[in-house]
PDB file of N, CA and C in Angstrom:
ATOM      1  N   MET A   1     -11.925  71.656  -4.846  1.00  0.00           N
ATOM      2  CA  MET A   1     -12.642  73.027  -4.507  1.00  0.00           C
ATOM      3  C   MET A   1     -13.355  72.697  -3.819  1.00  0.00           C
ATOM      4  N   VAL A   2     -14.012  71.689  -3.780  1.00  0.00           N
ATOM      5  CA  VAL A   2     -15.206  70.721  -2.621  1.00  0.00           C
ATOM      6  C   VAL A   2     -14.403  70.227  -1.585  1.00  0.00           C
ATOM      7  N   TRP A   3     -13.081  69.663  -1.853  1.00  0.00           N
ATOM      8  CA  TRP A   3     -12.396  69.362  -0.454  1.00  0.00           C
ATOM      9  C   TRP A   3     -12.273  70.593  -0.065  1.00  0.00           C
ATOM     10  N   LYS A   4     -12.069  71.876  -0.348  1.00  0.00           N
ATOM     11  CA  LYS A   4     -12.235  72.576   0.732  1.00  0.00           C
ATOM     12  C   LYS A   4     -13.070  72.924   1.701  1.00  0.00           C
ATOM     13  N   VAL A   5     -13.815  72.978   0.483  1.00  0.00           N
ATOM     14  CA  VAL A   5     -15.075  73.388   1.460  1.00  0.00           C
ATOM     15  C   VAL A   5     -15.557  72.509   2.471  1.00  0.00           C
ATOM     16  N   ILE A   6     -15.359  71.193   1.962  1.00  0.00           N
ATOM     17  CA  ILE A   6     -15.718  70.193   3.202  1.00  0.00           C
ATOM     18  C   ILE A   6     -15.089  69.739   3.812  1.00  0.00           C
ATOM     19  N   GLY A   7     -13.125  70.329   4.101  1.00  0.00           N
ATOM     20  CA  GLY A   7     -12.523  70.248   5.243  1.00  0.00           C
ATOM     21  C   GLY A   7     -13.260  71.360   6.095  1.00  0.00           C
ATOM     22  N   GLY A   8     -13.401  72.776   5.745  1.00  0.00           N
ATOM     23  CA  GLY A   8     -14.142  73.839   6.271  1.00  0.00           C
ATOM     24  C   GLY A   8     -15.268  73.143   7.144  1.00  0.00           C
ATOM     25  N   LEU A   9     -16.045  72.639   6.434  1.00  0.00           N
ATOM     26  CA  LEU A   9     -17.180  72.417   6.814  1.00  0.00           C
ATOM     27  C   LEU A   9     -16.899  71.439   8.613  1.00  0.00           C
ATOM     28  N   LEU A  10     -15.651  70.301   8.067  1.00  0.00           N
ATOM     29  CA  LEU A  10     -15.622  69.550   9.223  1.00  0.00           C
ATOM     30  C   LEU A  10     -14.926  70.061  10.261  1.00  0.00           C
ATOM     31  N   LEU A  11     -14.120  70.990  10.308  1.00  0.00           N
ATOM     32  CA  LEU A  11     -13.510  71.844  11.227  1.00  0.00           C
ATOM     33  C   LEU A  11     -14.323  73.067  11.694  1.00  0.00           C
ATOM     34  N   LEU A  12     -15.672  73.251  11.574  1.00  0.00           N
ATOM     35  CA  LEU A  12     -16.097  74.508  11.865  1.00  0.00           C
ATOM     36  C   LEU A  12     -17.461  73.104  12.452  1.00  0.00           C
ATOM     37  N   TRP A  13     -17.537  71.955  11.938  1.00  0.00           N
ATOM     38  CA  TRP A  13     -18.880  71.172  12.781  1.00  0.00           C
ATOM     39  C   TRP A  13     -17.640  70.744  14.026  1.00  0.00           C
ATOM     40  N   LEU A  14     -16.770  70.187  14.175  1.00  0.00           N
ATOM     41  CA  LEU A  14     -15.352  70.137  15.206  1.00  0.00           C
ATOM     42  C   LEU A  14     -15.531  71.227  16.183  1.00  0.00           C
ATOM     43  N   VAL A  15     -15.191  72.922  15.360  1.00  0.00           N
ATOM     44  CA  VAL A  15     -15.283  73.615  17.087  1.00  0.00           C
ATOM     45  C   VAL A  15     -16.747  73.558  17.826  1.00  0.00           C
ATOM     46  N   ILE A  16     -18.060  73.403  16.388  1.00  0.00           N
ATOM     47  CA  ILE A  16     -18.889  73.900  17.372  1.00  0.00           C
ATOM     48  C   ILE A  16     -19.373  72.314  18.455  1.00  0.00           C
ATOM     49  N   SER A  17     -18.560  71.166  18.144  1.00  0.00           N
ATOM     50  CA  SER A  17     -18.990  70.013  18.973  1.00  0.00           C
ATOM     51  C   SER A  17     -17.776  70.911  20.460  1.00  0.00           C
ATOM     52  N   VAL A  18     -17.020  71.196  19.989  1.00  0.00           N
ATOM     53  CA  VAL A  18     -15.922  70.934  21.035  1.00  0.00           C
ATOM     54  C   VAL A  18     -16.583  72.232  22.194  1.00  0.00           C
ATOM     55  N   ALA A  19     -17.153  73.022  21.703  1.00  0.00           N
ATOM     56  CA  ALA A  19     -17.588  74.215  22.081  1.00  0.00           C
ATOM     57  C   ALA A  19     -18.796  73.916  22.907  1.00  0.00           C
ATOM     58  N   GLY A  20     -19.535  72.804  22.141  1.00  0.00           N
ATOM     59  CA  GLY A  20     -21.128  72.214  23.214  1.00  0.00           C
ATOM     60  C   GLY A  20     -20.529  71.429  24.500  1.00  0.00           C
ATOM     61  N   PHE A  21     -19.490  71.057  24.394  1.00  0.00           N
ATOM     62  CA  PHE A  21     -18.621  70.120  25.474  1.00  0.00           C
ATOM     63  C   PHE A  21     -18.309  71.280  26.246  1.00  0.00           C
ATOM     64  N   VAL A  22     -17.908  71.886  26.310  1.00  0.00           N
ATOM     65  CA  VAL A  22     -16.684  73.044  26.941  1.00  0.00           C
ATOM     66  C   VAL A  22     -17.559  73.182  27.707  1.00  0.00           C
ATOM     67  N   ILE A  23     -19.134  74.527  26.892  1.00  0.00           N
ATOM     68  CA  ILE A  23     -19.890  75.277  28.039  1.00  0.00           C
ATOM     69  C   ILE A  23     -21.052  74.260  28.392  1.00  0.00           C
ATOM     70  N   LYS A  24     -20.937  74.409  29.998  1.00  0.00           N
ATOM     71  CA  LYS A  24     -21.965  73.724  30.501  1.00  0.00           C
ATOM     72  C   LYS A  24     -23.257  74.416  30.043  1.00  0.00           C
ATOM     73  N   GLY A  25     -24.162  73.401  29.626  1.00  0.00           N
ATOM     74  CA  GLY A  25     -25.724  73.708  29.191  1.00  0.00           C
ATOM     75  C   GLY A  25     -25.980  74.049  27.855  1.00  0.00           C
ATOM     76  N   LEU A  26     -24.656  73.378  26.955  1.00  0.00           N
ATOM     77  CA  LEU A  26     -24.757  73.401  25.287  1.00  0.00           C
ATOM     78  C   LEU A  26     -24.510  72.193  24.793  1.00  0.00           C
ATOM     79  N   PHE A  27     -24.865  71.030  26.053  1.00  0.00           N
ATOM     80  CA  PHE A  27     -24.729  69.668  25.019  1.00  0.00           C
ATOM     81  C   PHE A  27     -25.701  69.514  23.830  1.00  0.00           C
ATOM     82  N   TRP A  28     -26.578  70.320  23.223  1.00  0.00           N
ATOM     83  CA  TRP A  28     -27.661  70.013  22.349  1.00  0.00           C
ATOM     84  C   TRP A  28     -26.949  70.273  21.261  1.00  0.00           C
ATOM     85  N   LEU A  29     -25.522  71.720  21.410  1.00  0.00           N
ATOM     86  CA  LEU A  29     -24.786  72.100  20.240  1.00  0.00           C
ATOM     87  C   LEU A  29     -23.972  71.083  19.944  1.00  0.00           C
ATOM     88  N   ALA A  30     -23.116  70.841  21.132  1.00  0.00           N
ATOM     89  CA  ALA A  30     -22.365  69.628  20.940  1.00  0.00           C
ATOM     90  C   ALA A  30     -23.272  67.969  19.663  1.00  0.00           C
ATOM     91  N   VAL A  31     -23.914  68.096  20.457  1.00  0.00           N
ATOM     92  CA  VAL A  31     -24.925  66.730  19.295  1.00  0.00           C
ATOM     93  C   VAL A  31     -24.801  67.024  18.029  1.00  0.00           C
ATOM     94  N   ILE A  32     -25.686  67.959  18.021  1.00  0.00           N
ATOM     95  CA  ILE A  32     -25.758  69.153  16.693  1.00  0.00           C
ATOM     96  C   ILE A  32     -24.101  68.914  15.684  1.00  0.00           C
ATOM     97  N   GLY A  33     -23.095  69.799  16.691  1.00  0.00           N
ATOM     98  CA  GLY A  33     -21.956  69.569  15.727  1.00  0.00           C
ATOM     99  C   GLY A  33     -21.369  68.465  15.684  1.00  0.00           C
ATOM    100  N   GLY A  34     -21.877  67.170  16.263  1.00  0.00           N
ATOM    101  CA  GLY A  34     -21.560  65.845  16.350  1.00  0.00           C
ATOM    102  C   GLY A  34     -21.976  65.235  14.600  1.00  0.00           C
ATOM    103  N   VAL A  35     -23.157  65.388  14.639  1.00  0.00           N
ATOM    104  CA  VAL A  35     -23.830  64.917  13.442  1.00  0.00           C
ATOM    105  C   VAL A  35     -23.908  65.785  12.173  1.00  0.00           C
ATOM    106  N   LEU A  36     -23.461  67.005  12.529  1.00  0.00           N
ATOM    107  CA  LEU A  36     -23.567  67.332  11.414  1.00  0.00           C
ATOM    108  C   LEU A  36     -21.569  66.899  10.777  1.00  0.00           C
ATOM    109  N   PHE A  37     -20.861  66.792  11.652  1.00  0.00           N
ATOM    110  CA  PHE A  37     -19.237  66.046  11.133  1.00  0.00           C
ATOM    111  C   PHE A  37     -19.332  64.853  10.749  1.00  0.00           C
ATOM    112  N   VAL A  38     -20.177  63.658  11.012  1.00  0.00           N
ATOM    113  CA  VAL A  38     -20.540  62.552  10.598  1.00  0.00           C
ATOM    114  C   VAL A  38     -21.138  63.163   9.257  1.00  0.00           C
ATOM    115  N   ALA A  39     -22.253  63.851   9.179  1.00  0.00           N
ATOM    116  CA  ALA A  39     -22.716  63.778   7.866  1.00  0.00           C
ATOM    117  C   ALA A  39     -21.713  63.999   6.866  1.00  0.00           C
ATOM    118  N   THR A  40     -21.536  65.049   7.237  1.00  0.00           N
ATOM    119  CA  THR A  40     -20.755  65.812   6.457  1.00  0.00           C
ATOM    120  C   THR A  40     -19.224  64.885   5.774  1.00  0.00           C
ATOM    121  N   ALA A  41     -18.536  64.265   6.599  1.00  0.00           N
ATOM    122  CA  ALA A  41     -17.490  63.359   5.991  1.00  0.00           C
ATOM    123  C   ALA A  41     -17.751  61.980   5.488  1.00  0.00           C
ATOM    124  N   ALA A  42     -19.395  61.506   5.746  1.00  0.00           N
ATOM    125  CA  ALA A  42     -19.712  60.276   4.809  1.00  0.00           C
ATOM    126  C   ALA A  42     -20.314  60.915   3.196  1.00  0.00           C
ATOM    127  N   ILE A  43     -20.598  62.242   3.286  1.00  0.00           N
ATOM    128  CA  ILE A  43     -20.622  62.931   2.320  1.00  0.00           C
ATOM    129  C   ILE A  43     -19.504  62.859   1.436  1.00  0.00           C
ATOM    130  N   GLY A  44     -18.627  63.527   1.819  1.00  0.00           N
ATOM    131  CA  GLY A  44     -16.828  63.693   1.700  1.00  0.00           C
ATOM    132  C   GLY A  44     -16.499  62.142   1.127  1.00  0.00           C
ATOM    133  N   TRP A  45     -16.783  61.273   1.718  1.00  0.00           N
ATOM    134  CA  TRP A  45     -15.887  59.843   1.598  1.00  0.00           C
ATOM    135  C   TRP A  45     -17.009  59.276   0.266  1.00  0.00           C
ATOM    136  N   ALA A  46     -18.174  59.725   0.232  1.00  0.00           N
ATOM    137  CA  ALA A  46     -19.462  59.269  -1.139  1.00  0.00           C
ATOM    138  C   ALA A  46     -18.673  59.611  -2.022  1.00  0.00           C
ATOM    139  N   ARG A  47     -18.500  61.149  -2.106  1.00  0.00           N
ATOM    140  CA  ARG A  47     -17.855  61.629  -2.825  1.00  0.00           C
ATOM    141  C   ARG A  47     -16.515  61.200  -3.537  1.00  0.00           C
ATOM    142  N   ASP A  48     -15.717  60.578  -2.561  1.00  0.00           N
ATOM    143  CA  ASP A  48     -14.267  60.281  -3.262  1.00  0.00           C
ATOM    144  C   ASP A  48     -14.774  58.950  -3.796  1.00  0.00           C
ATOM    145  N   ARG A  49     -15.130  58.467  -3.020  1.00  0.00           N
ATOM    146  CA  ARG A  49     -15.323  56.850  -3.833  1.00  0.00           C
ATOM    147  C   ARG A  49     -15.869  56.901  -5.189  1.00  0.00           C
ATOM    148  N   LYS A  50     -16.950  58.051  -5.228  1.00  0.00           N
ATOM    149  CA  LYS A  50     -17.763  57.853  -6.691  1.00  0.00           C
ATOM    150  C   LYS A  50     -16.878  58.465  -7.928  1.00  0.00           C
ATOM    151  N   GLN A  51     -15.852  59.187  -7.371  1.00  0.00           N
ATOM    152  CA  GLN A  51     -14.523  59.911  -8.282  1.00  0.00           C
ATOM    153  C   GLN A  51     -13.816  58.630  -8.851  1.00  0.00           C
ATOM    154  N   ILE A  52     -13.282  58.006  -7.853  1.00  0.00           N
ATOM    155  CA  ILE A  52     -12.252  57.169  -8.243  1.00  0.00           C
ATOM    156  C   ILE A  52     -12.788  56.075  -8.774  1.00  0.00           C
ATOM    157  N   LYS A  53     -13.913  55.342  -8.816  1.00  0.00           N
ATOM    158  CA  LYS A  53     -14.394  53.964 -10.232  1.00  0.00           C
ATOM    159  C   LYS A  53     -14.223  54.975 -11.062  1.00  0.00           C
ATOM    160  N   PRO A  54     -14.157  53.759 -12.597  1.00  0.00           N
ATOM    161  CA  PRO A  54     -14.393  54.706 -13.506  1.00  0.00           C
ATOM    162  C   PRO A  54     -15.408  54.661 -14.414  1.00  0.00           C
TER     163      PRO A  54
END
């Protein structure tokens, strides 16, 4: 369940970032999307790493 949410958020942030780069004048949208993408990926990585350790 958690991975579906994280995957969905990663996809959403990727779409927002691409839209920001494609549409001129929305560079700030690409920056926000990129930051949120990295943050969501880091949270997912940290959760996965926490679950692997006994």
